[in-house]
Amino acid sequence: MKKLLLGAAALSVLAALPAYAADPVDARRMAQDIKILSSDAFEGRGPATEGEKKTVAYIAEQMKAAGLQPGGDLQGGTRAWTQDVPLARFTTKGPVNVSVRAGGETQAWTQGEEVAIRAAQTGIDRLTVRDAPVVFVGYGVTAPEKQWDDFKGYDLKGKVALVLVNDPDFETGEGDFGGKAMTYYGRWTYKYEEAARQGAVGFLVIHEREPASYGWATVKNSNTNEIFDVIRKNPSEAHAPLEGWVQRDNAVDLFRKAGLDFEALKKQAQTRDFRPVELRGVTFSTDYAVDAQKVVSKNVVGVLPGKTRPEERVFYTAHWDHLGVGLPDAKGDRIYNGAVDNASGTAALIELGRAFAKGPRPDRSIVFLAVTAEEKGLLGTEYYADNPLYPLGTTVADLNMDGMNLIGPAKDVTMSGDAPLTLQDDLIKLAAERGLTFSPDPNPQAGSFYRSDHFPFAKRGVPAISFGAGENLAKGGAEAGKAAAEAYIKDRYHQPADEYDPNWDLTGLSQEVGLFYEMGRRLANSNVWPEWKEGAEFKAERDKTRSMRR
């Protein structure tokens, strides 16, 4: 889940709030779908598992029962309910041995505690690193358009680099990288891509709670599990052998033993003058086996054909997957049920399909796309965007749902990141009609725009957003909303505790899904094409297909 606004605490319903009776969505029915999809029987909905089979079958059954048509792969001239998504799956086999040598002493690090190393994605069956020199590379950014280069020609071959998470101006709040708002350079995914380009043995991202926007539990659970990627001809071009995270305190200890001041070097890294710094006398070693397999996961696709312009399509998306079965929590629970993240978004997707199928047929077609492997790097949507079932040039917009409001009505709506789109203006207008204000992303430093399934559409030019309830709750205001968001991230996000709660207040769910319904209904009955605004980074890509839109 990337819309970091939700908790699992129940709040009272305020009778004074408008209940949008015209919105044909049923919160109780959605809650039942959430309960089923997040039950232990679905085993945390991990891709390429028995849990996936149950999940895909359930979603397809519900779409069919709603009256949608299958919109997936062509098979013998007819559409299936699914789109095959071929993926590479990487799993560590046996123990992950990790040690560091510093100050003349060797210390073992425990996988999942001091360090979280991902299964290597380069196609090797064993990763062995022996006494590799360790280098600090600041934020690990090469951005020619900003005249920024953290490497300055330093040769990283044979070396392991320590890299800071987020952007160089995160802590100062001002600079060339959006201030507090994370750019793609701040994402850990970018750091790993840069490790491959630099020819390093690998990068270890130094975990710090605030710039990462989540705690160590999230890092551990997301990186010590199965790792997936798209099928690549040359995987080493996209991945260095070693990708992982290290606890801040352990990194600071290495700096200290090398006679370096971590905080002082971090300040240097916030400037253009920074140069890589080797931690003298510090080396890193690891050894573990890797099981690499090719698997086929599934996107689920339902379609409601348009009445007059069926070739123009409005998309709703939500990811059905979660983390599956992984490391146990303190209670011994190993199933990562993912109730909020994202059984709730999947339930909303299904309910929207029901609502549109029962209502007046819209002019444009509506596609309901439940995607796989979001938790593995937006892979299901990336695959769809690279292999679209329907032309992206005549895709009107994508409205993405990732973690729905289960804590009661809000007075505002917000977005995951800032989207310089006319769609944002449409959202603000619609919200105002319903007595709701618009609040910018309350956590722009989290880089949410790059972390949800609208992004693969957006970077290919399709107008695409993730939006939903804000933090200003009807009961308790912004203070209560912020507290609920922080509690969810701390105690449930990417943890087994993200489970169905019968005490959820479903009024906010009705409010939020109703907003999605009306947003999509207006787009589907309009002849207007949403646009990126001047200066938006994805406008040029959209403009390439302008001739396809009437």
Protein backbone atom coordinates (compact mmCIF):
# COMPACT_ATOMS: atom_id res chain seq x y z
CA MET A 1 0.00 0.00 0.00
CA LYS A 2 1.37 3.39 -0.98
CA LYS A 3 -1.35 5.76 0.14
CA LEU A 4 -0.08 6.01 3.71
CA LEU A 5 -3.26 7.31 5.30
CA LEU A 6 -4.98 4.35 6.82
CA GLY A 7 -5.29 2.56 10.12
CA ALA A 8 -7.44 -0.25 11.41
CA ALA A 9 -9.04 1.57 14.35
CA ALA A 10 -12.80 2.01 14.23
CA LEU A 11 -14.29 5.50 14.50
CA SER A 12 -17.93 6.48 15.00
CA VAL A 13 -20.07 7.50 12.06
CA LEU A 14 -21.31 11.08 12.10
CA ALA A 15 -24.93 11.19 11.07
CA ALA A 16 -24.56 14.80 9.94
CA LEU A 17 -22.27 13.81 7.08
CA PRO A 18 -23.90 13.44 3.66
CA ALA A 19 -24.34 9.79 2.68
CA TYR A 20 -24.06 9.82 -1.09
CA ALA A 21 -27.10 7.67 -1.70
CA ALA A 22 -26.76 8.12 -5.44
CA ASP A 23 -23.47 6.24 -5.44
CA PRO A 24 -24.37 2.62 -6.25
CA VAL A 25 -21.71 0.99 -4.07
CA ASP A 26 -22.22 -1.34 -1.13
CA ALA A 27 -19.62 -1.10 1.64
CA ARG A 28 -20.80 -4.25 3.40
CA ARG A 29 -20.36 -6.25 0.24
CA MET A 30 -16.86 -4.82 -0.16
CA ALA A 31 -16.07 -5.72 3.45
CA GLN A 32 -17.07 -9.30 2.73
CA ASP A 33 -14.75 -9.39 -0.27
CA ILE A 34 -11.93 -8.01 1.89
CA LYS A 35 -12.62 -10.64 4.55
CA ILE A 36 -12.41 -13.44 1.99
CA LEU A 37 -9.38 -12.17 0.09
CA SER A 38 -7.39 -11.50 3.27
CA SER A 39 -8.29 -14.76 5.00
CA ASP A 40 -5.59 -17.26 5.84
CA ALA A 41 -7.02 -19.55 3.15
CA PHE A 42 -5.59 -17.16 0.52
CA GLU A 43 -2.12 -17.44 2.11
CA GLY A 44 -1.24 -13.74 1.77
CA ARG A 45 -1.90 -13.72 -2.01
CA GLY A 46 1.72 -14.23 -3.04
CA PRO A 47 2.33 -14.36 -6.81
CA ALA A 48 2.92 -17.80 -8.30
CA THR A 49 1.47 -19.61 -5.27
CA GLU A 50 -1.68 -21.55 -4.45
CA GLY A 51 -2.86 -18.28 -2.92
CA GLU A 52 -2.63 -16.64 -6.34
CA LYS A 53 -4.75 -19.36 -7.93
CA LYS A 54 -7.49 -18.82 -5.37
CA THR A 55 -7.26 -15.04 -5.68
CA VAL A 56 -7.38 -14.94 -9.47
CA ALA A 57 -10.28 -17.40 -9.55
CA TYR A 58 -12.23 -15.36 -6.98
CA ILE A 59 -11.75 -12.05 -8.78
CA ALA A 60 -12.69 -13.52 -12.15
CA GLU A 61 -15.78 -15.19 -10.65
CA GLN A 62 -16.91 -11.92 -9.10
CA MET A 63 -16.33 -9.97 -12.33
CA LYS A 64 -18.31 -12.55 -14.30
CA ALA A 65 -21.14 -12.53 -11.76
CA ALA A 66 -21.20 -8.72 -11.93
CA GLY A 67 -21.92 -8.85 -15.67
CA LEU A 68 -18.52 -7.79 -16.99
CA GLN A 69 -16.94 -9.36 -20.05
CA PRO A 70 -13.52 -11.03 -20.06
CA GLY A 71 -10.86 -8.61 -21.29
CA GLY A 72 -7.58 -10.51 -21.04
CA ASP A 73 -5.41 -12.41 -23.50
CA LEU A 74 -6.87 -13.48 -26.84
CA GLN A 75 -7.30 -17.24 -26.95
CA GLY A 76 -8.73 -18.66 -30.14
CA GLY A 77 -10.26 -15.34 -31.06
CA THR A 78 -11.95 -14.74 -27.71
CA ARG A 79 -10.76 -12.97 -24.59
CA ALA A 80 -9.77 -14.79 -21.42
CA TRP A 81 -10.32 -13.36 -17.95
CA THR A 82 -6.57 -13.09 -17.40
CA GLN A 83 -3.39 -11.75 -18.95
CA ASP A 84 -0.34 -13.94 -18.52
CA VAL A 85 2.54 -12.11 -16.82
CA PRO A 86 5.81 -14.04 -17.21
CA LEU A 87 8.17 -13.30 -14.35
CA ALA A 88 11.49 -14.41 -12.97
CA ARG A 89 11.31 -15.54 -9.34
CA PHE A 90 14.39 -15.53 -7.12
CA THR A 91 14.56 -17.18 -3.71
CA THR A 92 17.41 -17.64 -1.27
CA LYS A 93 18.18 -21.28 -0.46
CA GLY A 94 19.55 -22.16 2.93
CA PRO A 95 21.29 -19.68 5.23
CA VAL A 96 22.32 -16.17 4.16
CA ASN A 97 25.77 -15.73 5.67
CA VAL A 98 26.88 -12.12 6.14
CA SER A 99 29.93 -10.68 7.89
CA VAL A 100 31.85 -7.42 8.02
CA ARG A 101 35.45 -6.83 8.98
CA ALA A 102 36.22 -3.49 10.61
CA GLY A 103 38.84 -2.31 13.07
CA GLY A 104 40.65 -5.61 12.73
CA GLU A 105 37.64 -7.61 13.94
CA THR A 106 35.10 -9.73 12.04
CA GLN A 107 31.45 -9.51 13.03
CA ALA A 108 28.58 -11.65 11.77
CA TRP A 109 25.36 -9.90 10.73
CA THR A 110 22.03 -11.70 10.90
CA GLN A 111 19.77 -11.67 7.86
CA GLY A 112 16.58 -9.79 8.73
CA GLU A 113 18.10 -8.12 11.78
CA GLU A 114 21.20 -6.08 10.96
CA VAL A 115 20.84 -6.51 7.21
CA ALA A 116 18.16 -7.47 4.67
CA ILE A 117 19.69 -8.90 1.51
CA ARG A 118 17.55 -9.64 -1.51
CA ALA A 119 17.92 -12.83 -3.51
CA ALA A 120 20.28 -12.02 -6.37
CA GLN A 121 18.43 -11.28 -9.63
CA THR A 122 21.32 -11.66 -12.08
CA GLY A 123 20.66 -15.32 -12.90
CA ILE A 124 23.43 -16.77 -10.73
CA ASP A 125 22.76 -19.78 -8.51
CA ARG A 126 25.08 -18.63 -5.74
CA LEU A 127 26.35 -15.24 -4.61
CA THR A 128 29.72 -15.25 -2.90
CA VAL A 129 31.40 -11.99 -1.94
CA ARG A 130 34.67 -12.20 0.00
CA ASP A 131 36.18 -9.19 1.74
CA ALA A 132 34.91 -6.60 -0.74
CA PRO A 133 36.02 -3.04 0.10
CA VAL A 134 33.20 -0.79 1.32
CA VAL A 135 32.65 2.71 -0.10
CA PHE A 136 30.19 5.44 0.88
CA VAL A 137 28.60 6.98 -2.24
CA GLY A 138 26.28 9.53 -0.64
CA TYR A 139 22.84 9.43 -2.24
CA GLY A 140 24.13 7.48 -5.23
CA VAL A 141 22.73 9.92 -7.77
CA THR A 142 23.81 10.66 -11.31
CA ALA A 143 21.58 13.45 -12.64
CA PRO A 144 23.20 15.32 -15.56
CA GLU A 145 20.19 17.62 -15.95
CA LYS A 146 20.83 18.83 -12.40
CA GLN A 147 24.62 18.91 -12.80
CA TRP A 148 24.82 16.28 -10.06
CA ASP A 149 27.20 13.32 -9.91
CA ASP A 150 27.89 11.51 -6.65
CA PHE A 151 30.48 9.21 -8.24
CA LYS A 152 32.91 11.63 -9.95
CA GLY A 153 34.45 8.80 -11.97
CA TYR A 154 35.19 6.61 -8.93
CA ASP A 155 35.71 2.95 -9.91
CA LEU A 156 33.29 0.76 -7.95
CA LYS A 157 34.20 -2.52 -9.59
CA GLY A 158 34.73 -5.17 -6.94
CA LYS A 159 33.35 -2.90 -4.21
CA VAL A 160 30.20 -2.75 -2.07
CA ALA A 161 28.70 0.72 -1.70
CA LEU A 162 26.72 2.15 1.19
CA VAL A 163 24.08 4.59 -0.07
CA LEU A 164 21.59 6.92 1.60
CA VAL A 165 17.89 6.60 0.93
CA ASN A 166 15.81 9.51 -0.44
CA ASP A 167 17.18 12.67 -2.12
CA PRO A 168 20.09 15.00 -1.25
CA ASP A 169 17.73 17.78 -0.16
CA PHE A 170 15.34 15.68 1.94
CA GLU A 171 16.71 16.93 5.26
CA THR A 172 17.25 20.55 4.24
CA GLY A 173 13.84 20.78 2.56
CA GLU A 174 15.17 22.76 -0.39
CA GLY A 175 17.34 22.15 -3.41
CA ASP A 176 17.29 20.63 -6.86
CA PHE A 177 15.45 17.44 -5.95
CA GLY A 178 12.03 18.72 -4.93
CA GLY A 179 12.75 19.54 -1.30
CA LYS A 180 10.76 17.18 0.90
CA ALA A 181 9.00 15.71 -2.12
CA MET A 182 10.91 12.64 -3.26
CA THR A 183 12.00 12.37 -6.87
CA TYR A 184 12.71 9.06 -8.57
CA TYR A 185 16.38 9.55 -7.67
CA GLY A 186 15.38 9.05 -4.05
CA ARG A 187 13.78 5.65 -4.56
CA TRP A 188 15.70 2.56 -3.56
CA THR A 189 14.81 1.07 -6.95
CA TYR A 190 16.82 3.82 -8.62
CA LYS A 191 19.77 3.21 -6.28
CA TYR A 192 19.93 -0.44 -7.35
CA GLU A 193 19.68 0.46 -11.02
CA GLU A 194 22.60 2.86 -10.55
CA ALA A 195 24.63 0.13 -8.81
CA ALA A 196 24.41 -1.95 -11.98
CA ARG A 197 25.35 0.99 -14.18
CA GLN A 198 28.35 1.77 -11.98
CA GLY A 199 29.60 -1.82 -12.09
CA ALA A 200 29.55 -2.25 -8.30
CA VAL A 201 29.30 -5.60 -6.57
CA GLY A 202 26.24 -4.01 -5.04
CA PHE A 203 24.62 -1.29 -2.97
CA LEU A 204 23.39 -1.54 0.61
CA VAL A 205 20.83 1.16 1.34
CA ILE A 206 21.23 2.64 4.82
CA HIS A 207 17.84 2.47 6.51
CA GLU A 208 16.67 5.58 8.35
CA ARG A 209 13.03 5.75 9.38
CA GLU A 210 12.11 9.25 8.25
CA PRO A 211 13.72 9.40 4.80
CA ALA A 212 12.58 5.84 4.03
CA SER A 213 9.05 6.64 5.33
CA TYR A 214 8.72 3.22 6.96
CA GLY A 215 10.34 1.18 9.69
CA TRP A 216 12.75 -1.73 9.58
CA ALA A 217 9.96 -4.31 9.81
CA THR A 218 8.75 -3.23 6.37
CA VAL A 219 12.28 -3.46 4.96
CA LYS A 220 12.86 -6.91 6.46
CA ASN A 221 9.55 -8.38 5.34
CA SER A 222 9.76 -6.98 1.82
CA ASN A 223 13.37 -7.95 1.08
CA THR A 224 13.92 -11.31 2.74
CA ASN A 225 10.95 -12.84 0.90
CA GLU A 226 10.77 -14.09 -2.67
CA ILE A 227 11.96 -11.49 -5.19
CA PHE A 228 10.38 -11.13 -8.62
CA ASP A 229 11.39 -9.34 -11.79
CA VAL A 230 10.32 -9.14 -15.40
CA ILE A 231 12.10 -11.53 -17.74
CA ARG A 232 15.26 -9.77 -18.95
CA LYS A 233 17.69 -10.71 -21.72
CA ASN A 234 20.59 -9.22 -19.77
CA PRO A 235 19.60 -9.02 -16.08
CA SER A 236 23.04 -7.73 -15.02
CA GLU A 237 22.31 -4.52 -16.93
CA ALA A 238 19.49 -3.81 -14.47
CA HIS A 239 20.80 -5.46 -11.29
CA ALA A 240 24.09 -5.65 -9.46
CA PRO A 241 24.68 -9.02 -7.76
CA LEU A 242 24.14 -7.60 -4.26
CA GLU A 243 21.05 -5.56 -3.39
CA GLY A 244 19.99 -4.97 0.18
CA TRP A 245 19.49 -2.72 3.19
CA VAL A 246 21.48 -2.23 6.39
CA GLN A 247 20.34 -0.88 9.74
CA ARG A 248 21.50 2.69 10.36
CA ASP A 249 23.24 1.89 13.65
CA ASN A 250 25.29 -0.86 12.03
CA ALA A 251 26.33 1.45 9.22
CA VAL A 252 27.28 4.20 11.67
CA ASP A 253 29.40 1.71 13.57
CA LEU A 254 31.32 0.86 10.39
CA PHE A 255 31.96 4.56 9.74
CA ARG A 256 33.21 4.99 13.31
CA LYS A 257 35.59 2.04 13.07
CA ALA A 258 36.94 3.51 9.82
CA GLY A 259 37.61 6.82 11.61
CA LEU A 260 34.75 8.60 9.84
CA ASP A 261 31.82 10.71 11.05
CA PHE A 262 28.57 9.47 9.48
CA GLU A 263 26.58 12.67 10.09
CA ALA A 264 29.36 14.89 8.74
CA LEU A 265 29.64 12.80 5.59
CA LYS A 266 25.88 12.83 5.15
CA LYS A 267 25.96 16.63 5.16
CA GLN A 268 28.72 16.56 2.55
CA ALA A 269 26.57 14.22 0.47
CA GLN A 270 23.90 16.93 0.30
CA THR A 271 26.23 19.03 -1.86
CA ARG A 272 27.46 18.79 -5.46
CA ASP A 273 31.06 18.65 -4.24
CA PHE A 274 30.64 15.26 -2.56
CA ARG A 275 33.02 12.51 -3.63
CA PRO A 276 32.90 8.80 -2.72
CA VAL A 277 34.71 7.90 0.50
CA GLU A 278 36.23 4.48 1.10
CA LEU A 279 35.82 3.07 4.60
CA ARG A 280 39.43 2.07 5.12
CA GLY A 281 39.90 -1.26 6.81
CA VAL A 282 36.22 -2.22 6.29
CA THR A 283 35.23 -5.17 4.09
CA PHE A 284 31.99 -7.00 3.43
CA SER A 285 31.36 -10.70 2.82
CA THR A 286 28.29 -12.76 2.05
CA ASP A 287 27.51 -16.21 0.75
CA TYR A 288 24.15 -17.78 -0.10
CA ALA A 289 22.51 -19.96 -2.74
CA VAL A 290 19.80 -18.72 -5.11
CA ASP A 291 16.93 -20.58 -6.71
CA ALA A 292 15.96 -18.83 -9.95
CA GLN A 293 12.85 -19.90 -11.84
CA LYS A 294 10.59 -18.60 -14.56
CA VAL A 295 6.95 -18.43 -13.51
CA VAL A 296 3.73 -17.10 -14.99
CA SER A 297 1.51 -14.91 -12.84
CA LYS A 298 -1.81 -13.36 -13.85
CA ASN A 299 -3.44 -9.99 -14.24
CA VAL A 300 -7.26 -10.24 -14.12
CA VAL A 301 -9.15 -8.13 -16.66
CA GLY A 302 -12.86 -7.37 -16.83
CA VAL A 303 -14.43 -5.04 -19.40
CA LEU A 304 -17.68 -3.15 -19.76
CA PRO A 305 -17.89 -2.16 -23.46
CA GLY A 306 -18.86 1.42 -24.17
CA LYS A 307 -22.15 2.30 -25.85
CA THR A 308 -20.95 4.79 -28.47
CA ARG A 309 -17.13 4.95 -28.29
CA PRO A 310 -16.00 1.50 -27.12
CA GLU A 311 -12.48 2.02 -28.52
CA GLU A 312 -11.88 4.71 -25.88
CA ARG A 313 -11.22 3.19 -22.47
CA VAL A 314 -11.19 4.37 -18.87
CA PHE A 315 -9.14 2.11 -16.57
CA TYR A 316 -9.58 1.27 -12.91
CA THR A 317 -6.62 -0.57 -11.39
CA ALA A 318 -5.77 -2.22 -8.08
CA HIS A 319 -3.14 -4.80 -7.19
CA TRP A 320 -4.42 -8.09 -5.83
CA ASP A 321 -1.10 -9.40 -4.49
CA HIS A 322 0.57 -9.13 -1.12
CA LEU A 323 3.64 -10.72 0.49
CA GLY A 324 2.37 -14.27 0.87
CA VAL A 325 3.94 -16.40 3.60
CA GLY A 326 7.16 -15.07 5.13
CA LEU A 327 9.13 -14.59 8.31
CA PRO A 328 7.04 -14.95 11.49
CA ASP A 329 6.15 -11.97 13.64
CA ALA A 330 6.45 -11.91 17.43
CA LYS A 331 3.27 -14.00 17.68
CA GLY A 332 4.54 -16.59 15.22
CA ASP A 333 2.15 -15.50 12.46
CA ARG A 334 3.72 -16.07 9.03
CA ILE A 335 0.78 -15.13 6.76
CA TYR A 336 0.88 -11.58 5.42
CA ASN A 337 -2.85 -11.20 4.86
CA GLY A 338 -2.76 -7.70 3.36
CA ALA A 339 -6.31 -6.71 4.26
CA VAL A 340 -5.88 -2.97 3.79
CA ASP A 341 -2.97 -3.47 1.38
CA ASN A 342 -4.58 -4.32 -0.94
CA ALA A 343 -7.56 -6.61 -0.48
CA SER A 344 -9.45 -3.37 0.15
CA GLY A 345 -8.50 -1.89 -3.23
CA THR A 346 -9.30 -5.17 -4.97
CA ALA A 347 -12.71 -5.27 -3.28
CA ALA A 348 -13.34 -1.70 -4.42
CA LEU A 349 -12.38 -2.66 -8.00
CA ILE A 350 -14.84 -5.55 -7.97
CA GLU A 351 -17.59 -3.37 -6.49
CA LEU A 352 -17.07 -0.68 -9.13
CA GLY A 353 -17.47 -3.37 -11.77
CA ARG A 354 -20.79 -4.36 -10.22
CA ALA A 355 -21.95 -0.75 -10.03
CA PHE A 356 -21.17 0.09 -13.65
CA ALA A 357 -22.53 -3.20 -15.02
CA LYS A 358 -25.88 -2.62 -13.33
CA GLY A 359 -26.15 1.05 -14.28
CA PRO A 360 -26.65 2.88 -17.57
CA ARG A 361 -24.08 1.81 -20.17
CA PRO A 362 -21.41 4.55 -20.46
CA ASP A 363 -20.28 5.95 -23.80
CA ARG A 364 -16.67 4.83 -23.36
CA SER A 365 -15.54 1.37 -22.32
CA ILE A 366 -14.36 0.75 -18.77
CA VAL A 367 -11.60 -1.73 -18.00
CA PHE A 368 -11.18 -3.20 -14.53
CA LEU A 369 -7.59 -4.39 -14.18
CA ALA A 370 -6.48 -6.32 -11.09
CA VAL A 371 -2.70 -6.60 -11.33
CA THR A 372 -0.11 -8.93 -9.89
CA ALA A 373 3.29 -8.33 -8.29
CA GLU A 374 2.86 -4.72 -7.24
CA GLU A 375 4.70 -5.53 -4.05
CA LYS A 376 7.59 -6.83 -6.14
CA GLY A 377 8.06 -3.55 -8.02
CA LEU A 378 4.80 -2.75 -9.88
CA LEU A 379 5.63 -5.68 -12.17
CA GLY A 380 2.09 -6.62 -13.22
CA THR A 381 1.34 -3.10 -14.35
CA GLU A 382 4.78 -2.70 -15.89
CA TYR A 383 4.12 -5.81 -17.94
CA TYR A 384 0.69 -4.58 -19.00
CA ALA A 385 2.09 -1.18 -19.99
CA ASP A 386 4.79 -2.88 -22.08
CA ASN A 387 2.29 -5.36 -23.53
CA PRO A 388 -1.02 -3.47 -23.54
CA LEU A 389 -4.15 -5.39 -24.39
CA TYR A 390 -5.67 -2.12 -25.57
CA PRO A 391 -3.83 0.86 -27.11
CA LEU A 392 -2.33 3.24 -24.55
CA GLY A 393 -2.94 6.14 -26.95
CA THR A 394 -6.71 5.71 -26.60
CA THR A 395 -6.61 4.90 -22.91
CA VAL A 396 -8.43 7.88 -21.42
CA ALA A 397 -7.01 7.64 -17.90
CA ASP A 398 -6.08 5.25 -15.13
CA LEU A 399 -7.65 5.64 -11.68
CA ASN A 400 -5.73 3.49 -9.22
CA MET A 401 -6.81 2.25 -5.79
CA ASP A 402 -4.24 1.17 -3.21
CA GLY A 403 -5.44 0.89 0.38
CA MET A 404 -8.96 2.17 1.01
CA ASN A 405 -10.39 4.23 3.87
CA LEU A 406 -11.53 1.94 6.68
CA ILE A 407 -11.41 4.39 9.58
CA GLY A 408 -14.45 6.58 8.96
CA PRO A 409 -15.38 9.59 6.81
CA ALA A 410 -12.83 12.25 5.95
CA LYS A 411 -13.33 15.93 5.21
CA ASP A 412 -10.75 15.94 2.45
CA VAL A 413 -9.25 13.97 -0.40
CA THR A 414 -5.62 13.67 -1.36
CA MET A 415 -3.31 12.09 -3.91
CA SER A 416 -0.22 9.91 -3.95
CA GLY A 417 2.32 12.53 -4.91
CA ASP A 418 1.65 15.56 -7.06
CA ALA A 419 0.30 14.97 -10.55
CA PRO A 420 0.37 18.02 -12.86
CA LEU A 421 -2.74 16.79 -14.64
CA THR A 422 -6.16 18.11 -15.56
CA LEU A 423 -7.37 14.96 -13.78
CA GLN A 424 -6.26 16.53 -10.50
CA ASP A 425 -8.34 19.60 -11.30
CA ASP A 426 -11.33 17.33 -12.03
CA LEU A 427 -10.83 15.56 -8.70
CA ILE A 428 -10.68 18.85 -6.79
CA LYS A 429 -13.88 20.03 -8.48
CA LEU A 430 -15.74 16.79 -7.78
CA ALA A 431 -14.59 16.78 -4.16
CA ALA A 432 -15.82 20.35 -3.70
CA GLU A 433 -19.24 19.34 -5.03
CA ARG A 434 -19.38 16.82 -2.20
CA GLY A 435 -18.24 19.25 0.46
CA LEU A 436 -14.69 17.93 0.58
CA THR A 437 -11.49 19.91 0.39
CA PHE A 438 -8.31 18.86 -1.40
CA SER A 439 -5.08 18.34 0.52
CA PRO A 440 -1.73 17.80 -1.17
CA ASP A 441 0.04 14.53 -0.40
CA PRO A 442 0.83 14.78 3.35
CA ASN A 443 3.94 12.64 2.88
CA PRO A 444 5.61 13.79 -0.36
CA GLN A 445 8.94 12.58 1.03
CA ALA A 446 7.65 9.00 0.73
CA GLY A 447 7.74 9.17 -3.08
CA SER A 448 4.23 7.75 -3.30
CA PHE A 449 3.80 8.83 -6.92
CA TYR A 450 6.42 6.26 -7.90
CA ARG A 451 5.11 3.48 -5.66
CA SER A 452 1.61 2.71 -6.95
CA ASP A 453 0.24 1.07 -10.06
CA HIS A 454 -0.72 4.28 -11.80
CA PHE A 455 2.99 5.04 -12.34
CA PRO A 456 3.73 2.55 -15.18
CA PHE A 457 0.81 4.12 -17.05
CA ALA A 458 1.93 7.65 -16.22
CA LYS A 459 5.53 7.27 -17.37
CA ARG A 460 4.21 6.07 -20.72
CA GLY A 461 2.10 9.19 -21.02
CA VAL A 462 -1.32 7.94 -19.92
CA PRO A 463 -2.99 10.37 -17.49
CA ALA A 464 -2.96 8.37 -14.29
CA ILE A 465 -3.43 9.02 -10.58
CA SER A 466 -3.91 7.30 -7.24
CA PHE A 467 -6.17 9.23 -4.90
CA GLY A 468 -8.39 8.73 -1.90
CA ALA A 469 -9.39 9.90 1.53
CA GLY A 470 -7.23 12.48 3.29
CA GLU A 471 -6.13 12.63 6.92
CA ASN A 472 -8.64 15.25 8.08
CA LEU A 473 -11.14 12.89 9.66
CA ALA A 474 -14.71 13.87 10.43
CA LYS A 475 -14.11 12.70 13.96
CA GLY A 476 -10.84 13.87 15.46
CA GLY A 477 -9.65 15.97 12.53
CA ALA A 478 -6.16 15.93 11.06
CA GLU A 479 -4.56 14.95 14.36
CA ALA A 480 -6.56 11.72 14.54
CA GLY A 481 -5.93 10.99 10.86
CA LYS A 482 -2.19 11.44 11.18
CA ALA A 483 -2.09 9.26 14.29
CA ALA A 484 -4.03 6.51 12.51
CA ALA A 485 -1.69 6.68 9.50
CA GLU A 486 1.40 6.46 11.68
CA ALA A 487 -0.04 3.58 13.69
CA TYR A 488 -0.82 1.63 10.53
CA ILE A 489 2.69 2.10 9.13
CA LYS A 490 4.30 1.17 12.44
CA ASP A 491 2.17 -1.79 13.43
CA ARG A 492 0.54 -3.28 10.32
CA TYR A 493 2.04 -2.18 7.00
CA HIS A 494 3.73 -5.17 5.33
CA GLN A 495 3.30 -7.15 8.52
CA PRO A 496 1.07 -10.14 9.40
CA ALA A 497 -1.07 -7.79 11.51
CA ASP A 498 -2.68 -6.24 8.40
CA GLU A 499 -5.79 -8.37 8.89
CA TYR A 500 -9.54 -8.02 8.49
CA ASP A 501 -11.18 -6.14 11.35
CA PRO A 502 -14.96 -6.51 11.90
CA ASN A 503 -14.92 -3.19 13.76
CA TRP A 504 -13.93 -1.09 10.76
CA ASP A 505 -16.09 1.95 10.13
CA LEU A 506 -17.27 1.38 6.55
CA THR A 507 -18.78 4.83 6.05
CA GLY A 508 -15.48 6.21 4.82
CA LEU A 509 -15.18 3.30 2.38
CA SER A 510 -18.55 4.18 0.83
CA GLN A 511 -17.52 7.82 0.62
CA GLU A 512 -14.21 7.03 -1.05
CA VAL A 513 -15.38 4.40 -3.53
CA GLY A 514 -18.31 6.62 -4.42
CA LEU A 515 -15.82 9.30 -5.39
CA PHE A 516 -13.98 6.83 -7.62
CA TYR A 517 -17.29 5.79 -9.19
CA GLU A 518 -18.34 9.33 -10.05
CA MET A 519 -14.87 10.26 -11.31
CA GLY A 520 -14.88 7.29 -13.69
CA ARG A 521 -18.51 7.79 -14.72
CA ARG A 522 -17.83 11.36 -15.82
CA LEU A 523 -14.74 10.34 -17.76
CA ALA A 524 -16.60 7.47 -19.41
CA ASN A 525 -19.46 9.73 -20.55
CA SER A 526 -17.26 12.59 -21.68
CA ASN A 527 -15.58 13.31 -25.00
CA VAL A 528 -12.75 15.16 -23.21
CA TRP A 529 -9.25 13.71 -23.00
CA PRO A 530 -7.40 14.49 -19.74
CA GLU A 531 -4.02 16.10 -20.33
CA TRP A 532 -0.67 16.57 -18.65
CA LYS A 533 0.01 20.22 -17.97
CA GLU A 534 2.83 22.18 -19.55
CA GLY A 535 6.17 21.22 -18.04
CA ALA A 536 4.97 17.82 -16.80
CA GLU A 537 7.67 15.19 -17.30
CA PHE A 538 5.32 12.76 -19.08
CA LYS A 539 3.57 15.22 -21.38
CA ALA A 540 5.93 14.66 -24.31
CA GLU A 541 5.30 10.92 -24.23
CA ARG A 542 1.53 11.45 -24.32
CA ASP A 543 1.83 13.96 -27.15
CA LYS A 544 3.40 11.28 -29.36
CA THR A 545 0.00 9.59 -29.65
CA ARG A 546 -2.11 12.72 -30.04
CA SER A 547 -3.25 11.72 -33.53
CA MET A 548 -5.00 8.64 -32.06
CA ARG A 549 -7.40 10.77 -30.05
CA ARG A 550 -10.31 12.53 -31.72
